[in-house]
Protein backbone atom coordinates (compact mmCIF):
# COMPACT_ATOMS: atom_id res chain seq x y z
CA UNK A 1 0.00 0.00 0.00
CA UNK A 2 1.48 3.33 -1.05
CA UNK A 3 1.06 6.64 0.71
CA UNK A 4 -0.50 9.34 -1.45
CA UNK A 5 1.12 12.66 -0.46
CA UNK A 6 -1.39 14.64 -2.53
CA UNK A 7 -4.47 13.15 -0.86
CA UNK A 8 -5.07 15.94 1.66
CA UNK A 9 -4.34 18.63 -0.90
CA UNK A 10 -7.04 17.16 -3.15
CA UNK A 11 -9.48 16.98 -0.22
CA UNK A 12 -8.80 20.58 0.72
CA UNK A 13 -9.13 21.85 -2.85
CA UNK A 14 -12.40 19.94 -3.35
CA UNK A 15 -13.86 21.32 -0.12
CA UNK A 16 -12.65 24.81 -1.03
CA UNK A 17 -14.35 24.59 -4.44
CA UNK A 18 -17.62 23.41 -2.86
CA UNK A 19 -17.84 26.08 -0.18
CA UNK A 20 -20.98 28.18 -0.22
CA UNK A 21 -22.60 31.10 1.55
CA UNK A 22 -26.12 32.35 0.92
CA UNK A 23 -27.87 35.50 2.08
CA UNK A 24 -31.41 36.78 1.80
CA UNK A 25 -33.69 39.47 3.22
CA UNK A 26 -36.71 38.29 5.19
CA UNK A 27 -40.19 39.83 5.11
CA UNK A 28 -39.48 41.94 8.19
CA UNK A 29 -36.38 43.45 6.58
CA UNK A 30 -33.71 41.53 8.47
CA UNK A 31 -30.94 39.72 6.63
CA UNK A 32 -30.14 36.04 7.04
CA UNK A 33 -26.73 34.64 6.15
CA UNK A 34 -26.25 30.88 6.02
CA UNK A 35 -23.33 28.55 5.36
CA UNK A 36 -22.83 24.83 5.83
CA UNK A 37 -20.62 23.79 8.75
CA UNK A 38 -16.98 23.15 7.88
CA UNK A 39 -15.76 19.62 7.42
CA UNK A 40 -14.10 18.55 10.66
CA UNK A 41 -11.09 16.96 9.01
CA UNK A 42 -10.46 19.99 6.79
CA UNK A 43 -10.40 22.77 9.39
CA UNK A 44 -6.84 23.66 8.46
CA UNK A 45 -5.37 23.60 4.99
CA UNK A 46 -2.52 21.19 4.36
CA UNK A 47 1.02 22.61 4.45
CA UNK A 48 1.72 22.89 0.72
């Protein structure tokens, strides 16, 4: 079994590409901003 040194870089780049934030104004005029929670194993980018 070989070790893939680029594995975590690919995971980070995929998660980075899929990130999303949405915002909208509600009927009462307040703004709501929403984002999915971060992946727990990708909290920090790999050292590359």
